[in-house]
Amino acid sequence: MSYKEAQKAYAKLGVDTEKAIKALQKIKISMHCWQGDDVGGFETTGGASGGIQTTGNYPGKARTPQELMADVDFAMGLIPGKHRLNLHACYGIHKDKVVDRDKLGPEQFKPWVDWAKKRGIGLDFNPTYFSHPKAADGLTLSNPDPKIRAFWVKHGIQCLKIAEYFGKELKSPCTINFWMPDGYKDEPSDRLGPRQRMADSLDKIFKYKYNKKLVVPTLESKLFGIGVESYTVGSHEFVMGYAMKRGILGLLDMGHFHISENVADKISSFLMFYGKVAFHISRPVRWDSDHVIRQDDALLGAAREIVRMGPENFIVALDYFDASINRVAAWVLGMRNMQKALLSALLEPSALLKKLQESGRFTEQLVLQEEIKNYPAGAVWEEFCRRANQPAGEEWLADVAKYEQNVLFKRV
């Protein structure tokens, strides 16, 4: 079906496809740098640890800042629109000697800022509370040892300073997300103490007077993780309570809940009480396994909630890492799938569906909800991609295959 025909079909439902395309063009997604090298970073060669695990060993992963930047550039060149890049603190670029995390500063991230300036994009940030000797036992901000806690508090403060630097230099507010892997493998004897210590540590971090116009702090919860299967300090309830008390944003990660939970259902409550929703898009398979996102019911449900409540009220970032397939393809597929889900939501006759719900016409609502699934969203996606000078279908994979042969497979 042509775009003009699709436009007419949607118009019968009161949906303006031109408005949908323009709305999608404005939505910036923060792409995660850590998909490119399996959450390795540039501090050591030991790889991810401390509750973080990447499975697979597909050849060609980025080994240096230059390789990672080149891969990000190539991936973004196959994604419609202009987006953002999300960095972890372990991706600082060190000169002669690696600077430990409690002493990181803007100097280690200036190359990233220079890179972002040339491309006209914003940067987001994350302190790295894993893959470090002082996180070997899985406890950071909640550690019983005050010296260990002090180290990680200082890391958090330094990261706030780096986020300020990003916001100022790039003239775009930097979202900085705090996630700590703290917890216990088996049932703890004291559940309150670790949470009290973590709250105290976070209080010390947020005493730093960061510029609220430049920095948007968020706090992320988790149900469980590798090695902390029985008790997570930063649980959903802890994060909700602390973030609300402190006046920062709680962050929802689609992989950080039981797989039977409907994360999309949580979004409206977060928006009501936080005023804005920070959201990590991932795909769990049996657990928080961070698979590349697909256009499944969970993703489409989340996208519908984002669109219904206004994309301007959301901070959307991707968060997965798959080393079993081409890493660049994983980026491109995930970003495009997120855009497709958002477009599908933008093409929903939401005003009509809401009216049917409020008037109790549930039969009509259900029928329309199902029939709209067969409307020609693909034709609108093709038009969106055409205007962005990007392929609409799988043609982009041929470019990735060439890059794989000419660049990735030559990394040994």
Protein backbone atom coordinates (compact mmCIF):
# COMPACT_ATOMS: atom_id res chain seq x y z
CA MET A 1 0.00 0.00 0.00
CA SER A 2 1.24 3.50 -0.82
CA TYR A 3 1.66 6.23 1.79
CA LYS A 4 -1.25 8.21 0.30
CA GLU A 5 -3.54 5.21 0.65
CA ALA A 6 -2.39 4.64 4.23
CA GLN A 7 -2.94 8.32 4.97
CA LYS A 8 -6.55 8.03 3.81
CA ALA A 9 -7.16 4.84 5.80
CA TYR A 10 -5.94 6.40 9.03
CA ALA A 11 -7.82 9.62 8.36
CA LYS A 12 -11.09 7.68 8.61
CA LEU A 13 -10.17 7.00 12.24
CA GLY A 14 -9.25 10.62 12.87
CA VAL A 15 -5.50 9.92 12.77
CA ASP A 16 -3.24 12.42 10.98
CA THR A 17 -0.23 10.51 9.63
CA GLU A 18 1.67 13.73 8.89
CA LYS A 19 1.33 14.73 12.52
CA ALA A 20 2.53 11.27 13.58
CA ILE A 21 5.63 11.49 11.38
CA LYS A 22 6.51 14.95 12.65
CA ALA A 23 6.04 13.82 16.26
CA LEU A 24 8.35 10.83 15.75
CA GLN A 25 10.98 13.05 14.16
CA LYS A 26 11.17 15.01 17.44
CA ILE A 27 11.65 12.01 19.76
CA LYS A 28 15.27 11.53 20.77
CA ILE A 29 16.29 8.13 22.12
CA SER A 30 19.46 7.78 24.17
CA MET A 31 21.51 4.96 22.65
CA HIS A 32 23.68 3.01 25.11
CA CYS A 33 27.39 2.92 24.35
CA TRP A 34 27.95 -0.34 26.26
CA GLN A 35 26.30 -2.53 23.60
CA GLY A 36 29.40 -1.92 21.46
CA ASP A 37 31.95 -3.62 23.71
CA ASP A 38 29.97 -5.85 26.10
CA VAL A 39 30.03 -3.33 28.99
CA GLY A 40 33.81 -3.46 29.04
CA GLY A 41 34.89 0.17 29.19
CA PHE A 42 38.45 1.45 28.99
CA GLU A 43 39.84 0.94 32.50
CA THR A 44 40.87 -2.73 32.39
CA THR A 45 40.78 -5.72 30.07
CA GLY A 46 38.95 -7.90 32.57
CA GLY A 47 35.44 -7.29 31.25
CA ALA A 48 32.19 -6.77 33.11
CA SER A 49 31.66 -8.19 36.59
CA GLY A 50 29.79 -7.55 39.83
CA GLY A 51 26.28 -8.52 38.75
CA ILE A 52 26.84 -7.67 35.08
CA GLN A 53 27.28 -10.47 32.56
CA THR A 54 27.27 -10.47 28.77
CA THR A 55 26.79 -13.72 26.92
CA GLY A 56 28.24 -14.55 23.53
CA ASN A 57 31.56 -13.93 21.83
CA TYR A 58 30.71 -12.60 18.37
CA PRO A 59 33.88 -11.30 16.70
CA GLY A 60 34.64 -7.64 16.17
CA LYS A 61 33.81 -5.89 19.43
CA ALA A 62 35.25 -2.42 19.99
CA ARG A 63 38.52 -2.44 21.93
CA THR A 64 39.44 1.24 22.01
CA PRO A 65 37.62 4.58 22.28
CA GLN A 66 38.31 5.21 18.61
CA GLU A 67 36.79 1.89 17.57
CA LEU A 68 33.74 2.39 19.76
CA MET A 69 33.17 5.91 18.42
CA ALA A 70 33.49 4.61 14.85
CA ASP A 71 30.94 1.85 15.53
CA VAL A 72 28.51 4.31 17.14
CA ASP A 73 28.88 6.62 14.15
CA PHE A 74 28.18 3.80 11.73
CA ALA A 75 25.14 2.61 13.69
CA MET A 76 23.67 6.10 14.01
CA GLY A 77 24.10 6.51 10.27
CA LEU A 78 21.51 3.76 9.77
CA ILE A 79 18.95 5.10 12.24
CA PRO A 80 16.42 7.75 11.18
CA GLY A 81 16.69 11.04 13.07
CA LYS A 82 19.21 12.54 15.48
CA HIS A 83 19.45 10.96 18.91
CA ARG A 84 21.65 10.94 22.03
CA LEU A 85 24.44 8.74 23.40
CA ASN A 86 24.42 7.28 26.91
CA LEU A 87 27.84 6.75 28.55
CA HIS A 88 28.97 4.85 31.64
CA ALA A 89 31.74 6.20 33.85
CA CYS A 90 33.98 3.25 32.94
CA TYR A 91 34.17 4.70 29.41
CA GLY A 92 36.39 7.58 30.47
CA ILE A 93 39.34 8.05 28.11
CA HIS A 94 42.57 8.01 30.11
CA LYS A 95 45.93 9.29 28.89
CA ASP A 96 48.99 7.79 30.55
CA LYS A 97 47.52 6.29 33.71
CA VAL A 98 44.00 5.11 34.49
CA VAL A 99 42.32 7.48 36.93
CA ASP A 100 40.36 5.65 39.61
CA ARG A 101 36.63 6.26 39.80
CA ASP A 102 36.70 8.50 42.85
CA LYS A 103 38.90 10.93 40.92
CA LEU A 104 37.23 10.91 37.50
CA GLY A 105 36.49 14.33 36.06
CA PRO A 106 35.66 16.19 32.85
CA GLU A 107 39.21 15.66 31.57
CA GLN A 108 38.57 11.95 30.99
CA PHE A 109 35.40 12.74 29.02
CA LYS A 110 36.50 15.71 26.93
CA PRO A 111 37.06 13.47 23.86
CA TRP A 112 33.45 12.32 24.14
CA VAL A 113 32.22 15.90 24.38
CA ASP A 114 34.29 16.89 21.36
CA TRP A 115 32.86 13.92 19.47
CA ALA A 116 29.28 14.85 20.47
CA LYS A 117 29.76 18.53 19.54
CA LYS A 118 30.80 17.61 16.01
CA ARG A 119 27.64 15.57 15.61
CA GLY A 120 25.31 18.00 17.36
CA ILE A 121 24.00 15.45 19.85
CA GLY A 122 23.59 15.33 23.64
CA LEU A 123 25.20 12.94 26.11
CA ASP A 124 23.71 11.14 29.09
CA PHE A 125 25.66 9.48 31.89
CA ASN A 126 25.82 6.71 34.48
CA PRO A 127 28.15 6.17 37.45
CA THR A 128 29.67 2.68 37.23
CA TYR A 129 29.13 0.79 40.49
CA PHE A 130 30.38 -2.58 39.20
CA SER A 131 33.46 -4.16 37.55
CA HIS A 132 35.80 -2.76 40.19
CA PRO A 133 37.86 -4.25 43.07
CA LYS A 134 35.90 -2.17 45.58
CA ALA A 135 32.67 -3.73 44.28
CA ALA A 136 33.98 -7.31 44.34
CA ASP A 137 31.66 -8.38 47.16
CA GLY A 138 28.62 -6.82 45.48
CA LEU A 139 28.28 -3.99 48.00
CA THR A 140 29.07 -0.35 47.19
CA LEU A 141 26.99 2.46 48.70
CA SER A 142 25.56 0.03 51.27
CA ASN A 143 28.88 -1.58 52.21
CA PRO A 144 29.42 -2.02 55.98
CA ASP A 145 32.96 -0.65 55.53
CA PRO A 146 32.78 3.17 55.77
CA LYS A 147 35.95 3.52 53.66
CA ILE A 148 34.38 1.59 50.79
CA ARG A 149 31.21 3.64 51.05
CA ALA A 150 33.22 6.87 51.06
CA PHE A 151 35.00 5.81 47.86
CA TRP A 152 31.70 5.21 46.07
CA VAL A 153 30.15 8.40 47.44
CA LYS A 154 33.04 10.34 45.96
CA HIS A 155 32.52 8.52 42.66
CA GLY A 156 28.88 9.62 42.63
CA ILE A 157 29.81 13.25 43.31
CA GLN A 158 32.44 13.24 40.58
CA CYS A 159 29.89 11.81 38.16
CA LEU A 160 27.47 14.63 38.96
CA LYS A 161 30.26 17.06 38.07
CA ILE A 162 30.85 15.23 34.78
CA ALA A 163 27.13 15.35 34.00
CA GLU A 164 27.19 19.12 34.62
CA TYR A 165 30.10 19.39 32.22
CA PHE A 166 28.15 17.49 29.56
CA GLY A 167 25.08 19.68 30.01
CA LYS A 168 27.03 22.91 29.90
CA GLU A 169 29.27 22.08 26.95
CA LEU A 170 26.56 20.52 24.81
CA LYS A 171 23.80 22.93 25.86
CA SER A 172 21.50 20.00 26.55
CA PRO A 173 20.49 18.68 30.00
CA CYS A 174 22.30 15.46 30.91
CA THR A 175 20.33 12.64 32.52
CA ILE A 176 22.53 10.81 35.03
CA ASN A 177 21.23 7.47 36.24
CA PHE A 178 22.32 5.82 39.48
CA TRP A 179 22.08 2.04 39.65
CA MET A 180 23.91 0.02 42.28
CA PRO A 181 24.11 -3.81 42.22
CA ASP A 182 24.14 -4.09 46.03
CA GLY A 183 22.52 -7.12 47.58
CA TYR A 184 22.99 -10.67 48.86
CA LYS A 185 22.96 -14.08 47.24
CA ASP A 186 21.13 -15.68 50.18
CA GLU A 187 18.57 -14.50 52.71
CA PRO A 188 20.02 -11.62 54.78
CA SER A 189 19.70 -11.35 58.54
CA ASP A 190 19.37 -7.57 58.32
CA ARG A 191 17.34 -5.98 55.54
CA LEU A 192 17.04 -2.51 57.04
CA GLY A 193 20.70 -1.73 57.73
CA PRO A 194 21.98 -1.92 54.15
CA ARG A 195 19.12 0.30 52.95
CA GLN A 196 19.82 2.83 55.67
CA ARG A 197 23.48 2.91 54.66
CA MET A 198 22.58 3.31 50.99
CA ALA A 199 20.17 6.14 51.74
CA ASP A 200 22.83 7.89 53.82
CA SER A 201 25.38 7.47 51.02
CA LEU A 202 22.98 8.86 48.44
CA ASP A 203 22.23 11.79 50.74
CA LYS A 204 25.95 12.59 50.81
CA ILE A 205 26.14 12.43 47.01
CA PHE A 206 23.15 14.68 46.46
CA LYS A 207 24.43 17.28 48.90
CA TYR A 208 26.59 18.38 46.00
CA LYS A 209 24.90 21.49 44.60
CA TYR A 210 24.62 20.46 40.99
CA ASN A 211 23.00 22.75 38.44
CA LYS A 212 19.43 21.47 38.12
CA LYS A 213 19.05 23.08 34.72
CA LEU A 214 21.94 21.01 33.39
CA VAL A 215 21.61 17.73 35.31
CA VAL A 216 18.63 15.37 35.68
CA PRO A 217 19.44 12.67 38.27
CA THR A 218 17.52 9.40 38.24
CA LEU A 219 17.60 6.35 40.52
CA GLU A 220 17.02 2.84 39.15
CA SER A 221 15.60 -0.17 40.96
CA LYS A 222 16.05 -3.88 40.34
CA LEU A 223 14.30 -7.07 41.44
CA PHE A 224 17.45 -9.21 41.60
CA GLY A 225 20.75 -9.77 39.84
CA ILE A 226 23.52 -12.32 39.38
CA GLY A 227 24.90 -13.06 42.84
CA VAL A 228 22.16 -11.05 44.55
CA GLU A 229 19.24 -13.36 43.93
CA SER A 230 17.69 -13.15 47.40
CA TYR A 231 17.91 -9.48 48.38
CA THR A 232 18.49 -6.27 46.45
CA VAL A 233 19.17 -3.14 48.48
CA GLY A 234 17.87 -0.78 45.79
CA SER A 235 14.48 -2.44 45.43
CA HIS A 236 11.53 -0.87 43.65
CA GLU A 237 10.03 0.31 46.93
CA PHE A 238 13.33 1.74 48.15
CA VAL A 239 13.85 3.67 44.94
CA MET A 240 10.29 4.99 44.82
CA GLY A 241 10.50 6.24 48.39
CA TYR A 242 13.99 7.69 48.23
CA ALA A 243 13.56 9.40 44.86
CA MET A 244 10.29 11.02 45.90
CA LYS A 245 11.74 12.23 49.20
CA ARG A 246 14.86 13.61 47.54
CA GLY A 247 12.98 15.19 44.61
CA ILE A 248 14.74 13.24 41.86
CA LEU A 249 13.28 10.83 39.31
CA GLY A 250 12.77 7.13 39.86
CA LEU A 251 13.73 5.16 36.76
CA LEU A 252 11.84 2.17 35.34
CA ASP A 253 13.84 -0.51 33.54
CA MET A 254 11.76 -3.05 31.61
CA GLY A 255 14.15 -5.83 32.58
CA HIS A 256 14.22 -5.10 36.30
CA PHE A 257 10.91 -6.64 37.28
CA HIS A 258 9.43 -10.10 37.35
CA ILE A 259 8.78 -11.14 33.75
CA SER A 260 5.07 -11.60 34.49
CA GLU A 261 4.73 -7.92 35.53
CA ASN A 262 3.36 -5.39 33.07
CA VAL A 263 5.89 -2.57 33.28
CA ALA A 264 3.75 -0.39 30.99
CA ASP A 265 1.09 -0.37 33.72
CA LYS A 266 3.52 1.34 36.11
CA ILE A 267 4.22 4.30 33.83
CA SER A 268 1.09 6.35 34.50
CA SER A 269 1.58 6.15 38.27
CA PHE A 270 5.17 7.34 37.92
CA LEU A 271 4.08 10.25 35.76
CA MET A 272 1.40 11.28 38.26
CA PHE A 273 3.77 11.50 41.20
CA TYR A 274 7.14 12.34 39.62
CA GLY A 275 5.92 14.61 36.83
CA LYS A 276 8.31 12.96 34.37
CA VAL A 277 9.25 9.36 33.62
CA ALA A 278 12.78 8.04 33.10
CA PHE A 279 12.60 4.75 31.22
CA HIS A 280 15.16 2.12 30.18
CA ILE A 281 13.98 -0.08 27.31
CA SER A 282 15.20 -3.65 27.52
CA ARG A 283 13.90 -7.20 26.98
CA PRO A 284 14.14 -9.86 29.65
CA VAL A 285 13.87 -13.52 28.76
CA ARG A 286 13.15 -15.42 31.95
CA TRP A 287 15.19 -12.84 33.87
CA ASP A 288 16.95 -9.50 33.35
CA SER A 289 18.98 -10.91 30.48
CA ASP A 290 19.10 -7.71 28.42
CA HIS A 291 18.18 -9.14 25.04
CA VAL A 292 17.93 -6.89 21.99
CA ILE A 293 14.45 -5.38 22.00
CA ARG A 294 11.86 -6.76 19.60
CA GLN A 295 8.47 -5.44 18.57
CA ASP A 296 6.72 -7.58 21.16
CA ASP A 297 3.67 -6.81 23.28
CA ALA A 298 5.78 -5.40 26.13
CA LEU A 299 7.54 -2.89 23.86
CA LEU A 300 4.35 -1.87 22.06
CA GLY A 301 2.55 -1.47 25.38
CA ALA A 302 5.30 0.78 26.71
CA ALA A 303 5.32 2.85 23.52
CA ARG A 304 1.57 3.36 23.70
CA GLU A 305 1.83 4.68 27.24
CA ILE A 306 4.65 7.05 26.25
CA VAL A 307 2.61 8.47 23.38
CA ARG A 308 -0.68 8.67 25.25
CA MET A 309 0.89 10.67 28.07
CA GLY A 310 3.14 12.83 25.90
CA PRO A 311 6.67 11.92 24.74
CA GLU A 312 7.89 15.26 26.13
CA ASN A 313 7.24 13.84 29.61
CA PHE A 314 9.63 10.92 29.10
CA ILE A 315 13.36 10.30 29.08
CA VAL A 316 13.83 7.19 26.96
CA ALA A 317 17.07 5.23 26.77
CA LEU A 318 17.94 1.75 25.57
CA ASP A 319 19.72 -0.70 27.88
CA TYR A 320 20.71 -4.13 26.63
CA PHE A 321 23.94 -5.88 25.67
CA ASP A 322 24.09 -8.89 23.40
CA ALA A 323 27.42 -10.37 22.30
CA SER A 324 25.88 -13.32 20.48
CA ILE A 325 25.18 -11.28 17.32
CA ASN A 326 26.80 -8.41 15.44
CA ARG A 327 26.91 -5.62 18.02
CA VAL A 328 26.34 -2.81 15.52
CA ALA A 329 23.31 -4.61 14.11
CA ALA A 330 22.01 -4.99 17.69
CA TRP A 331 22.14 -1.20 18.11
CA VAL A 332 20.46 -0.44 14.79
CA LEU A 333 17.74 -3.05 15.18
CA GLY A 334 16.91 -1.96 18.73
CA MET A 335 16.76 1.74 17.92
CA ARG A 336 14.63 1.18 14.81
CA ASN A 337 12.32 -1.18 16.71
CA MET A 338 11.80 1.48 19.37
CA GLN A 339 10.95 4.01 16.68
CA LYS A 340 8.55 1.58 14.98
CA ALA A 341 6.79 0.95 18.29
CA LEU A 342 6.46 4.68 18.91
CA LEU A 343 5.10 5.22 15.41
CA SER A 344 2.57 2.45 15.92
CA ALA A 345 1.45 4.23 19.07
CA LEU A 346 1.32 7.61 17.32
CA LEU A 347 -0.99 6.07 14.72
CA GLU A 348 -3.40 4.80 17.34
CA PRO A 349 -6.79 6.58 17.42
CA SER A 350 -6.24 7.27 21.11
CA ALA A 351 -8.91 9.96 21.46
CA LEU A 352 -11.54 7.65 19.98
CA LEU A 353 -10.46 4.68 22.10
CA LYS A 354 -10.51 6.80 25.24
CA LYS A 355 -14.02 8.01 24.40
CA LEU A 356 -15.21 4.43 23.92
CA GLN A 357 -13.73 3.43 27.27
CA GLU A 358 -15.26 6.34 29.17
CA SER A 359 -18.68 5.73 27.64
CA GLY A 360 -18.58 2.04 28.51
CA ARG A 361 -18.58 0.86 24.89
CA PHE A 362 -16.14 -1.92 25.61
CA THR A 363 -17.13 -4.17 22.69
CA GLU A 364 -16.34 -1.42 20.20
CA GLN A 365 -13.15 -0.58 22.06
CA LEU A 366 -11.91 -4.17 21.93
CA VAL A 367 -12.78 -4.58 18.25
CA LEU A 368 -11.01 -1.35 17.30
CA GLN A 369 -7.97 -2.21 19.42
CA GLU A 370 -7.64 -5.44 17.46
CA GLU A 371 -8.48 -4.14 13.99
CA ILE A 372 -6.01 -1.26 14.22
CA LYS A 373 -3.23 -3.86 14.40
CA ASN A 374 -3.80 -4.59 10.72
CA TYR A 375 -3.75 -0.99 9.54
CA PRO A 376 -0.87 -0.05 7.19
CA ALA A 377 1.63 1.35 9.70
CA GLY A 378 4.40 -0.08 7.50
CA ALA A 379 3.57 2.37 4.72
CA VAL A 380 3.86 5.29 7.16
CA TRP A 381 7.18 3.92 8.44
CA GLU A 382 8.46 3.77 4.86
CA GLU A 383 7.52 7.42 4.36
CA PHE A 384 9.19 8.38 7.64
CA CYS A 385 12.40 6.63 6.56
CA ARG A 386 12.26 8.10 3.05
CA ARG A 387 12.20 11.61 4.51
CA ALA A 388 15.17 10.73 6.70
CA ASN A 389 17.02 9.28 3.69
CA GLN A 390 17.17 5.88 5.39
CA PRO A 391 16.14 2.40 4.21
CA ALA A 392 12.77 1.30 5.55
CA GLY A 393 13.38 -2.44 5.41
CA GLU A 394 16.23 -4.83 6.10
CA GLU A 395 18.41 -3.28 3.38
CA TRP A 396 20.51 -1.66 6.09
CA LEU A 397 21.83 -5.09 7.07
CA ALA A 398 23.82 -5.27 3.83
CA ASP A 399 25.71 -2.14 4.93
CA VAL A 400 26.38 -3.74 8.33
CA ALA A 401 27.66 -6.88 6.59
CA LYS A 402 30.14 -4.81 4.56
CA TYR A 403 31.27 -2.97 7.71
CA GLU A 404 31.65 -6.31 9.44
CA GLN A 405 33.94 -7.66 6.71
CA ASN A 406 35.92 -4.47 6.17
CA VAL A 407 36.25 -3.31 9.78
CA LEU A 408 34.93 -5.57 12.56
CA PHE A 409 36.40 -8.90 11.46
CA LYS A 410 39.82 -7.30 11.06
CA ARG A 411 40.02 -6.64 14.80
CA VAL A 412 42.18 -9.34 16.30
